Protein backbone atom coordinates (compact mmCIF):
# COMPACT_ATOMS: atom_id res chain seq x y z
CA MET A 1 54.01 66.77 23.40
CA PHE A 2 53.40 70.20 21.82
CA ALA A 3 50.33 70.68 24.03
CA LYS A 4 52.34 69.78 27.15
CA ALA A 5 55.01 72.31 26.23
CA THR A 6 52.59 75.18 25.53
CA LYS A 7 50.55 74.48 28.67
CA GLY A 8 53.73 74.47 30.76
CA PHE A 9 54.74 77.73 29.10
CA VAL A 10 51.42 79.45 29.98
CA ASP A 11 51.42 78.01 33.50
CA GLU A 12 54.85 79.54 34.06
CA ILE A 13 54.36 83.02 32.62
CA ASP A 14 50.62 83.69 33.03
CA PRO A 15 49.07 81.18 35.48
CA ASP A 16 46.10 83.35 36.49
CA GLY A 17 45.86 85.50 33.38
CA CYS A 18 44.02 85.41 30.07
CA LEU A 19 46.52 83.55 27.87
CA ILE A 20 45.27 80.28 26.35
CA PRO A 21 47.84 77.63 25.30
CA VAL A 22 47.68 76.40 21.71
CA SER A 23 46.86 72.71 22.00
CA ARG A 24 47.68 71.55 18.45
CA LEU A 25 50.48 72.59 16.15
CA ASN A 26 48.24 72.71 13.08
CA GLU A 27 45.92 75.20 14.83
CA SER A 28 48.61 77.88 14.71
CA ASP A 29 47.76 79.07 11.18
CA ASN A 30 44.13 79.67 12.23
CA LEU A 31 45.11 81.82 15.20
CA ILE A 32 46.14 85.06 13.53
CA VAL A 33 45.05 88.33 15.10
CA SER A 34 41.32 89.04 14.39
CA SER A 35 40.56 85.42 13.46
CA LEU A 36 37.38 83.84 14.87
CA VAL A 37 37.50 81.30 17.68
CA ILE A 38 34.46 79.46 19.03
CA LYS A 39 34.38 79.31 22.80
CA ARG A 40 32.29 76.45 24.14
CA ASN A 41 31.14 77.10 27.69
CA PRO A 42 31.13 74.02 29.91
CA PHE A 43 28.29 71.82 31.11
CA TRP A 44 29.44 71.80 34.73
CA PHE A 45 30.69 74.73 36.79
CA TRP A 46 33.99 73.05 37.67
CA GLN A 47 34.96 72.70 34.00
CA ARG A 48 36.93 75.17 31.97
CA PRO A 49 35.74 76.43 28.57
CA ARG A 50 36.86 74.68 25.40
CA TYR A 51 38.29 76.74 22.53
CA MET A 52 37.96 75.79 18.85
CA PRO A 53 39.85 77.89 16.28
CA THR A 54 38.02 78.28 12.96
CA ASP A 55 39.17 78.80 9.37
CA PHE A 56 37.58 82.25 9.25
CA THR A 57 38.50 85.81 10.18
CA LEU A 58 36.16 88.65 11.13
CA ASN A 59 36.26 89.89 7.52
CA ASP A 60 34.83 86.59 6.27
CA VAL A 61 31.56 87.05 8.17
CA LEU A 62 31.29 90.84 8.01
CA LEU A 63 28.57 92.43 5.86
CA GLY A 64 29.22 95.45 3.65
CA GLU A 65 32.28 97.17 2.30
CA PRO A 66 35.09 97.90 2.64
CA PRO A 67 36.91 94.99 4.32
CA ILE A 68 38.57 96.00 7.57
CA SER A 69 42.35 96.03 7.83
CA PRO A 70 43.32 95.41 11.47
CA VAL A 71 46.61 96.95 12.53
CA VAL A 72 48.88 94.51 14.34
CA ILE A 73 51.42 95.85 16.84
CA GLU A 74 54.51 93.67 17.34
CA THR A 75 56.73 93.80 20.42
CA ASP A 76 59.50 91.63 21.83
CA PHE A 77 58.09 89.40 24.56
CA LEU A 78 60.67 87.23 26.34
CA LYS A 79 63.17 84.39 25.98
CA TYR A 80 61.97 81.02 27.21
CA ASN A 81 63.75 77.77 27.96
CA SER A 82 62.31 75.20 30.34
CA THR A 83 62.91 71.64 31.56
CA MET A 84 60.26 69.69 33.47
CA GLU A 85 61.09 66.34 35.06
CA ASN A 86 58.88 63.70 36.65
CA ASN A 87 60.12 60.59 38.46
CA THR A 88 57.94 57.73 39.70
CA THR A 89 58.77 54.51 41.53
CA GLY A 90 56.69 51.65 42.81
CA GLY A 91 57.03 48.15 44.16
CA ALA A 92 55.31 45.25 45.81
CA GLU A 93 56.44 42.33 47.96
CA ALA A 94 54.48 39.17 48.67
CA GLY A 95 55.17 36.07 50.73
CA ILE A 96 54.90 32.72 48.96
CA GLY A 97 55.16 29.99 51.56
CA PRO A 98 58.71 30.13 52.87
CA GLY A 99 59.77 32.52 50.09
CA SER A 100 59.05 36.00 48.85
CA LEU A 101 58.39 37.74 45.54
CA ASN A 102 59.58 41.30 44.85
CA ILE A 103 58.40 43.47 41.95
CA GLU A 104 59.83 46.92 41.32
CA GLY A 105 59.13 49.56 38.71
CA LYS A 106 60.71 52.90 37.93
CA GLY A 107 59.88 55.58 35.43
CA SER A 108 61.04 59.04 34.56
CA SER A 109 60.18 61.65 31.98
CA LYS A 110 61.78 64.93 30.99
CA LEU A 111 60.25 67.58 28.75
CA ALA A 112 62.62 70.27 27.51
CA SER A 113 61.21 73.30 25.69
CA SER A 114 63.60 75.73 24.02
CA PHE A 115 61.42 78.41 22.42
CA GLY A 116 64.11 81.07 22.42
CA SER A 117 63.08 84.69 21.79
CA LEU A 118 59.34 85.18 21.52
CA MET A 119 57.26 88.01 20.08
CA LYS A 120 53.81 89.36 20.97
CA GLN A 121 51.41 90.41 18.23
CA GLU A 122 48.45 92.50 19.42
CA VAL A 123 45.59 94.17 17.54
CA ASP A 124 45.30 97.95 17.64
CA LEU A 125 42.01 97.94 19.55
CA GLN A 126 41.12 101.61 18.99
CA LYS A 127 41.38 101.28 15.21
CA LEU A 128 39.46 97.98 15.24
CA LEU A 129 36.57 99.52 17.17
CA TYR A 130 36.50 102.43 14.73
CA ASP A 131 36.49 100.09 11.71
CA ILE A 132 33.62 97.89 12.95
CA LYS A 133 31.38 100.73 14.17
CA ASP A 134 27.83 100.25 12.82
CA ARG A 135 28.86 97.12 10.89
CA CYS A 136 26.89 93.86 11.05
CA LEU A 137 27.73 90.17 10.77
CA ASP A 138 26.17 87.90 8.15
CA PHE A 139 23.76 85.62 9.99
CA GLN A 140 23.30 83.61 6.78
CA HIS A 141 26.94 82.55 6.87
CA SER A 142 27.16 78.81 7.56
CA LEU A 143 29.55 79.26 10.47
CA LEU A 144 27.17 81.64 12.28
CA LYS A 145 24.08 79.52 11.59
CA GLN A 146 25.69 76.28 12.76
CA THR A 147 27.22 77.87 15.85
CA ALA A 148 23.93 79.53 16.87
CA GLN A 149 22.36 76.06 17.07
CA ARG A 150 24.71 75.16 19.93
CA ARG A 151 23.53 77.30 22.80
CA ARG A 152 26.75 77.01 24.82
CA ASP A 153 28.91 78.40 22.01
CA VAL A 154 29.97 82.02 21.60
CA PHE A 155 32.27 83.81 19.17
CA ALA A 156 35.53 85.47 20.14
CA LEU A 157 38.25 87.35 18.30
CA VAL A 158 41.95 86.70 18.73
CA LYS A 159 43.22 89.84 20.45
CA GLU A 160 46.87 88.89 20.83
CA ARG A 161 49.16 85.94 20.32
CA ILE A 162 52.64 84.88 21.37
CA ILE A 163 54.74 83.52 18.49
CA THR A 164 58.19 82.05 17.96
CA THR A 165 60.74 84.11 16.05
CA GLN A 166 63.02 81.30 14.93
CA THR A 167 63.02 77.54 14.58
CA CYS A 168 62.92 76.00 18.04
CA LYS A 169 62.57 72.55 19.57
CA VAL A 170 60.76 70.47 22.14
CA THR A 171 62.33 67.22 23.37
CA GLU A 172 60.69 64.55 25.50
CA GLU A 173 62.67 61.72 27.07
CA VAL A 174 60.85 58.83 28.71
CA GLN A 175 62.52 55.97 30.56
CA GLU A 176 60.69 52.99 32.01
CA GLY A 177 62.11 50.00 33.81
CA GLY A 178 60.95 47.09 35.88
CA SER A 179 62.30 43.97 37.52
CA CYS A 180 60.99 40.86 39.18
CA SER A 181 62.97 38.74 41.61
CA ALA A 182 62.19 35.88 43.94
CA PHE A 183 63.81 34.61 47.11
CA LEU A 184 62.89 30.98 47.76
CA GLY A 185 63.55 28.82 50.84
CA PHE A 186 63.23 25.05 51.19
CA THR A 187 63.74 22.60 54.10
CA VAL A 188 64.69 19.22 52.59
CA PRO A 189 66.19 18.19 55.00
CA LYS A 190 68.05 21.39 55.74
CA LYS A 191 67.36 24.94 54.53
CA ILE A 192 68.81 25.83 51.13
CA GLU A 193 68.42 29.43 49.98
CA VAL A 194 68.35 30.31 46.29
CA SER A 195 68.17 33.82 44.82
CA VAL A 196 66.69 34.04 41.33
CA ASN A 197 66.46 37.07 39.03
CA ASN A 198 63.40 36.27 36.92
CA GLY A 199 63.70 39.13 34.48
CA SER A 200 63.90 42.83 33.85
CA LEU A 201 62.56 45.32 31.36
CA HIS A 202 63.97 48.66 30.33
CA SER A 203 62.80 50.97 27.60
CA ASP A 204 63.79 54.45 26.42
CA SER A 205 61.84 56.81 24.26
CA ASN A 206 63.25 60.06 22.91
CA VAL A 207 61.02 62.29 20.78
CA PHE A 208 62.26 65.47 19.13
CA LEU A 209 59.86 68.10 17.76
CA GLU A 210 61.08 71.00 15.66
CA ILE A 211 58.76 74.03 15.63
CA PRO A 212 59.06 76.56 12.79
CA ALA A 213 59.28 80.30 13.20
CA LYS A 214 56.06 82.32 13.57
CA THR A 215 54.25 79.46 15.30
CA ALA A 216 51.64 80.58 17.82
CA LEU A 217 52.19 79.18 21.33
CA ALA A 218 49.46 81.08 23.20
CA TYR A 219 46.75 83.65 22.55
CA SER A 220 44.06 85.73 24.24
CA LEU A 221 40.50 86.51 23.14
CA MET A 222 37.76 89.15 23.15
CA GLU A 223 34.26 87.65 23.22
CA LEU A 224 31.42 88.99 21.05
CA ASN A 225 27.81 89.84 21.87
CA LEU A 226 25.92 88.96 18.70
CA LYS A 227 22.26 89.90 18.17
CA LYS A 228 20.02 88.10 15.68
CA THR A 229 19.92 91.29 13.58
CA GLY A 230 23.65 90.84 12.96
CA GLN A 231 24.64 93.77 15.16
CA PHE A 232 27.50 92.96 17.50
CA GLU A 233 29.79 94.45 20.07
CA VAL A 234 33.15 93.44 21.52
CA CYS A 235 33.34 92.56 25.23
CA LEU A 236 36.08 94.86 26.49
CA MET A 237 35.78 94.42 30.24
CA PRO A 238 37.31 91.29 31.83
CA ASP A 239 34.07 90.37 33.62
CA THR A 240 31.78 90.57 30.55
CA TYR A 241 30.98 87.49 28.49
CA GLY A 242 29.69 86.91 25.01
CA PHE A 243 26.38 85.55 23.78
CA ILE A 244 24.48 84.78 20.59
CA GLU A 245 20.90 85.99 20.52
CA VAL A 246 18.34 83.55 19.12
CA ASP A 247 14.61 84.43 18.97
CA GLY A 248 15.17 87.36 21.30
CA LEU A 249 16.93 85.24 23.94
CA ASN A 250 20.61 84.92 24.76
CA ALA A 251 21.39 81.42 23.53
CA THR A 252 24.43 81.16 25.73
CA SER A 253 24.21 81.38 29.50
CA THR A 254 27.44 81.59 31.46
CA ALA A 255 25.76 81.98 34.85
CA LEU A 256 26.45 78.39 35.86
CA LEU A 257 30.15 78.72 35.16
CA HIS A 258 30.81 82.16 36.59
CA SER A 259 28.46 82.47 39.56
CA THR A 260 29.32 79.36 41.54
CA PRO A 261 31.68 80.17 44.44
CA PHE A 262 34.63 77.89 45.00
CA GLN A 263 35.25 78.96 48.59
CA SER A 264 33.06 76.11 49.88
CA PRO A 265 33.17 73.69 46.96
CA LEU A 266 31.86 70.52 48.59
CA GLN A 267 28.47 72.11 49.24
CA ASN A 268 28.10 72.82 45.52
CA ILE A 269 28.08 69.25 44.21
CA GLN A 270 25.25 67.55 46.07
CA GLY A 271 22.93 67.62 43.04
CA GLU A 272 25.56 66.26 40.67
CA LEU A 273 26.57 63.40 42.97
CA VAL A 274 23.01 62.04 42.96
CA HIS A 275 23.65 60.86 39.38
CA PHE A 276 26.26 58.42 40.72
CA GLU A 277 23.55 56.55 42.60
CA ARG A 278 22.16 55.60 39.20
CA LEU A 279 25.59 54.49 38.05
CA SER A 280 26.06 52.26 41.10
CA ARG A 281 22.83 50.41 40.25
CA LEU A 282 24.15 49.14 36.93
CA PRO A 283 24.90 45.40 36.74
CA ALA A 284 28.19 44.49 38.42
CA SER A 285 29.66 43.22 35.13
CA THR A 286 28.89 46.54 33.39
CA ARG A 287 30.37 48.59 36.24
CA SER A 288 33.49 46.41 36.23
CA ILE A 289 34.08 46.92 32.50
CA LEU A 290 33.48 50.68 32.76
CA PHE A 291 35.96 50.92 35.65
CA GLU A 292 38.59 49.03 33.65
CA GLN A 293 38.15 51.25 30.58
CA ILE A 294 38.31 54.49 32.54
CA THR A 295 41.40 53.27 34.39
CA VAL A 296 43.08 52.72 31.01
CA LEU A 297 42.17 56.27 29.93
CA LEU A 298 43.77 57.83 33.01
CA LYS A 299 47.16 57.64 31.35
CA ASP A 300 46.19 60.00 28.52
CA LYS A 301 44.38 63.30 28.98
CA THR A 302 43.64 63.60 25.25
CA ALA A 303 41.75 60.30 25.36
CA ILE A 304 39.66 61.53 28.30
CA SER A 305 38.82 64.74 26.42
CA THR A 306 37.83 62.70 23.37
CA LEU A 307 35.45 60.64 25.51
CA VAL A 308 33.91 63.79 27.06
CA VAL A 309 33.13 65.20 23.62
CA ALA A 310 31.87 61.82 22.39
CA LEU A 311 29.45 61.58 25.34
CA GLU A 312 28.07 65.01 24.46
CA ASP A 313 27.68 63.87 20.84
CA LEU A 314 25.91 60.71 22.00
CA ASN A 315 23.45 62.78 24.03
CA CYS A 316 22.69 64.96 20.99
CA GLY A 317 22.43 62.04 18.56
CA ARG A 318 25.58 62.97 16.67
CA LYS A 319 28.19 60.51 15.44
CA SER A 320 31.41 60.62 17.44
CA ASP A 321 34.77 61.31 15.82
CA LEU A 322 37.47 59.19 17.46
CA SER A 323 40.04 59.61 14.67
CA MET A 324 42.34 61.55 17.04
CA LEU A 325 43.06 58.21 18.78
CA ASP A 326 43.79 56.20 15.62
CA LYS A 327 47.47 55.87 16.56
CA VAL A 328 46.68 54.54 20.05
CA PRO A 329 44.23 51.68 19.42
CA ASN A 330 44.05 50.58 23.08
CA LEU A 331 42.81 54.04 24.11
CA LYS A 332 40.42 54.26 21.16
CA ASN A 333 39.03 50.86 22.07
CA ALA A 334 38.55 51.97 25.70
CA VAL A 335 36.60 55.05 24.57
CA GLN A 336 34.48 53.05 22.11
CA THR A 337 33.73 50.33 24.67
CA THR A 338 32.60 52.95 27.19
CA LEU A 339 30.34 54.60 24.61
CA ASP A 340 28.84 51.26 23.54
CA LEU A 341 28.06 50.26 27.13
CA ILE A 342 26.43 53.58 27.98
CA LYS A 343 24.39 53.60 24.76
CA GLU A 344 23.26 50.04 25.43
CA LYS A 345 22.03 50.96 28.91
CA GLU A 346 20.33 54.15 27.76
CA ASP A 347 18.60 52.42 24.83
CA SER A 348 17.48 49.49 26.99
CA GLY A 349 15.11 51.71 28.95
CA ASP A 350 17.37 52.02 32.00
CA GLY A 351 17.56 55.76 31.38
CA PRO A 352 16.57 56.87 27.86
CA LEU A 353 18.38 59.66 26.13
CA GLU A 354 16.17 62.74 26.44
CA ARG A 355 18.13 64.93 23.99
CA LEU A 356 18.38 67.57 26.69
CA ALA A 357 21.50 69.39 27.77
CA LEU A 358 23.17 67.05 30.22
CA GLU A 359 23.05 69.56 33.06
CA GLU A 360 19.27 69.87 32.61
CA GLN A 361 18.46 66.17 32.92
CA SER A 362 16.67 66.01 36.25
CA GLN A 363 16.45 62.22 36.36
CA PRO A 364 19.76 60.49 37.18
CA SER A 365 21.17 58.57 34.20
CA ALA A 366 24.27 56.54 33.46
CA LEU A 367 25.15 58.86 30.59
CA THR A 368 25.06 61.98 32.77
CA ALA A 369 26.98 60.21 35.55
CA ILE A 370 29.81 59.10 33.24
CA HIS A 371 29.90 62.58 31.71
CA ILE A 372 30.27 64.14 35.17
CA LEU A 373 33.04 61.69 36.08
CA THR A 374 35.04 62.12 32.87
CA SER A 375 34.54 65.90 32.90
CA ALA A 376 36.15 65.98 36.34
CA LEU A 377 39.03 63.78 35.15
CA GLU A 378 39.55 66.07 32.16
CA GLU A 379 40.16 69.01 34.52
CA MET A 380 42.92 67.20 36.44
CA SER A 381 46.59 67.76 35.77
CA GLU A 382 48.58 64.93 34.24
CA PHE A 383 50.40 64.51 37.54
CA THR A 384 47.11 64.10 39.44
CA LEU A 385 45.79 61.65 36.82
CA SER A 386 48.96 59.59 37.18
CA ALA A 387 48.62 59.63 40.98
CA LEU A 388 44.96 58.61 40.71
CA LYS A 389 45.81 55.76 38.36
CA SER A 390 48.30 54.40 40.91
CA CYS A 391 45.41 54.23 43.42
CA CYS A 392 42.93 52.55 41.06
CA GLN A 393 42.59 49.25 42.87
CA ARG A 394 39.03 48.52 43.96
CA PRO A 395 39.72 48.33 47.73
CA THR A 396 41.76 51.55 47.57
CA ILE A 397 39.01 53.42 45.71
CA GLN A 398 36.48 52.30 48.34
CA ALA A 399 38.81 53.59 51.06
CA LEU A 400 39.22 56.91 49.23
CA HIS A 401 35.45 57.22 48.97
CA LEU A 402 35.13 56.83 52.73
CA LEU A 403 37.84 59.44 53.28
CA VAL A 404 36.16 61.93 50.96
CA GLN A 405 32.76 61.27 52.50
CA ASN A 406 34.22 62.14 55.89
CA VAL A 407 35.79 65.30 54.46
CA MET A 408 32.30 66.38 53.41
CA GLU A 409 30.94 65.54 56.88
CA ASN A 410 34.04 66.98 58.65
CA LYS A 411 34.74 63.68 60.41
CA GLU A 412 37.85 61.73 61.31
CA CYS A 413 38.41 58.14 60.16
CA SER A 414 39.72 55.23 62.20
CA LEU A 415 42.26 52.92 60.60
CA LYS A 416 40.59 50.12 62.55
CA ASP A 417 37.76 50.39 60.05
CA SER A 418 38.19 47.43 57.66
CA MET A 419 37.28 49.68 54.69
CA LEU A 420 40.41 51.74 55.36
CA ALA A 421 42.78 48.77 55.56
CA PRO A 422 44.44 49.57 52.19
CA VAL A 423 45.31 53.11 53.34
CA ALA A 424 46.93 51.72 56.48
CA GLU A 425 49.64 50.15 54.30
CA LYS A 426 52.69 52.38 54.06
CA ASP A 427 53.06 52.26 50.26
CA THR A 428 49.37 52.93 49.59
CA TYR A 429 49.22 55.71 52.18
CA SER A 430 52.13 57.42 50.43
CA LYS A 431 50.34 57.24 47.07
CA VAL A 432 47.08 58.54 48.50
CA GLN A 433 48.89 61.36 50.30
CA GLU A 434 50.51 62.34 46.99
CA LEU A 435 47.15 62.23 45.19
CA PHE A 436 45.39 64.35 47.80
CA GLY A 437 48.28 66.79 48.03
CA SER A 438 48.14 67.43 44.27
CA SER A 439 44.49 68.50 44.75
CA ASP A 440 44.95 70.82 47.75
CA VAL A 441 43.76 68.21 50.26
CA VAL A 442 45.99 67.50 53.27
CA LEU A 443 46.04 63.89 54.48
CA SER A 444 47.34 63.32 57.99
CA LYS A 445 47.68 60.24 60.20
CA GLU A 446 48.20 59.97 63.94
CA GLU A 447 48.19 56.52 65.53
CA ASP A 448 44.88 54.94 64.41
CA VAL A 449 43.24 58.17 63.24
CA ILE A 450 43.44 59.42 59.66
CA GLN A 451 41.97 62.67 58.46
CA ALA A 452 41.69 64.50 55.15
CA GLN A 453 41.21 68.26 55.19
CA ILE A 454 40.99 70.82 52.41
CA SER A 455 43.97 73.15 52.62
CA SER A 456 43.55 76.92 52.89
CA GLN A 457 44.26 77.15 49.14
CA GLY A 458 41.79 74.37 48.39
CA GLY A 459 38.84 74.95 46.12
CA ARG A 460 38.37 73.88 42.55
CA PHE A 461 40.93 71.05 42.53
CA SER A 462 39.70 69.51 45.78
CA LEU A 463 36.16 69.61 44.41
CA ILE A 464 37.25 67.88 41.20
CA LEU A 465 39.05 65.16 43.17
CA CYS A 466 35.94 64.51 45.28
CA ILE A 467 33.78 64.18 42.17
CA ALA A 468 36.23 61.77 40.53
CA ILE A 469 36.48 59.57 43.62
CA PHE A 470 32.69 59.44 44.05
CA GLY A 471 32.34 58.50 40.39
CA LEU A 472 34.95 55.74 40.51
CA ALA A 473 33.52 54.44 43.80
CA SER A 474 30.10 54.10 42.19
CA LEU A 475 31.68 51.66 39.72
CA VAL A 476 33.48 49.46 42.28
CA SER A 477 31.41 49.53 45.45
CA PRO A 478 29.01 46.58 45.87
CA THR A 479 26.66 48.78 47.92
CA GLY A 480 26.94 51.91 45.80
CA VAL A 481 27.93 55.35 47.04
CA ARG A 482 26.62 57.30 50.00
CA ILE A 483 25.54 60.84 49.27
CA THR A 484 25.49 63.27 52.18
CA LYS A 485 22.25 65.21 52.37
CA ASN A 486 22.72 68.64 53.93
């Protein structure tokens, strides 16, 4: 709930800027100005970096005397109060002989954030640069040695942070309801109509979170260029990125992330989609279980992120930490089941773990394919994940795959095609239209022709949706997925 509130806050006040939302309340104490944050650059170019606050400040890893004393400038920032609401409805009707069965469901959620007056704390950059001139970092420090072993990691300093000035609150209200009713008709000897209410379910959940004063809600960073001699410099320009030098080479390469254009995104993913061909060749029972587990995870973005990290750990031979999901055993079980299935297939010789960075594995593997799929899901908004989950029936996913394939080939689809039958239904079409719309893809229908087109604002989100649909289709399609070769 705290992460939702801080993300909403940053999306509102700095959507295209440099502010990073604080994702966990207990990270706030480690995000003081001049503290060290590890930035992990992504595997795939459509991902965003991951930020990991540490328990150390620049002084802790700085060689020589005296310790630096960064000057922090405090200014009033703004007052912030926000309420975000989300309403969903769904239903189904089926004929049973002379009768009918109706099922309806409704849900709503409201997240209210009252942060009040906020303050900005920012380092005096001129004094900091003067203090660190000709200073070196201690490469024998455990934090530096361990981080240098991970070639996608770089160090960054907290440049500024936005903090609360008084106790404030975040409230989340969730309401869910459902009903089932039947209308039955009999002819014995004349028609008797009976209306039966078979049951209903209603639940409310209200969670209140009180946030203390001086809690960090968002922060911005300055990356560091660190040479193996311990010399370092601060990246001051917005288009410069940090690195850690190991054996004379920059251990971190950001070229993949920063050089890929998003103006024509669908041409950028041909190589990655090939991995899904390997996934579609898994036994049907394995694909079915994987699809079920991933569908469960769609309701919780934290669970998806946990699986992404666990897959990276599996590739590197490290033990996964799933303790974050201890309070949600169904999600933890879904993550563990997915990991066990992938490890079983990799160890069986179907695609052995090569201990290479996932993006460097030239041979398609189930591990890489699932990592690509879940990495795309991790980048989706909660609204898009919810919309995707509502479409996660096997026939619907196959229809979505055909639609996306035709987007890539710039073709129209005919609703007379049996594969598109689910989309022809009014309720399903509405859900698919909502899903595509949330990812900058416009779905239109005229008579028997349906077409999906990337909107003028489309780019990263449409690409992510295409990847996710291809990945899910590889788990449900009996003939696998078709990859367009340009």
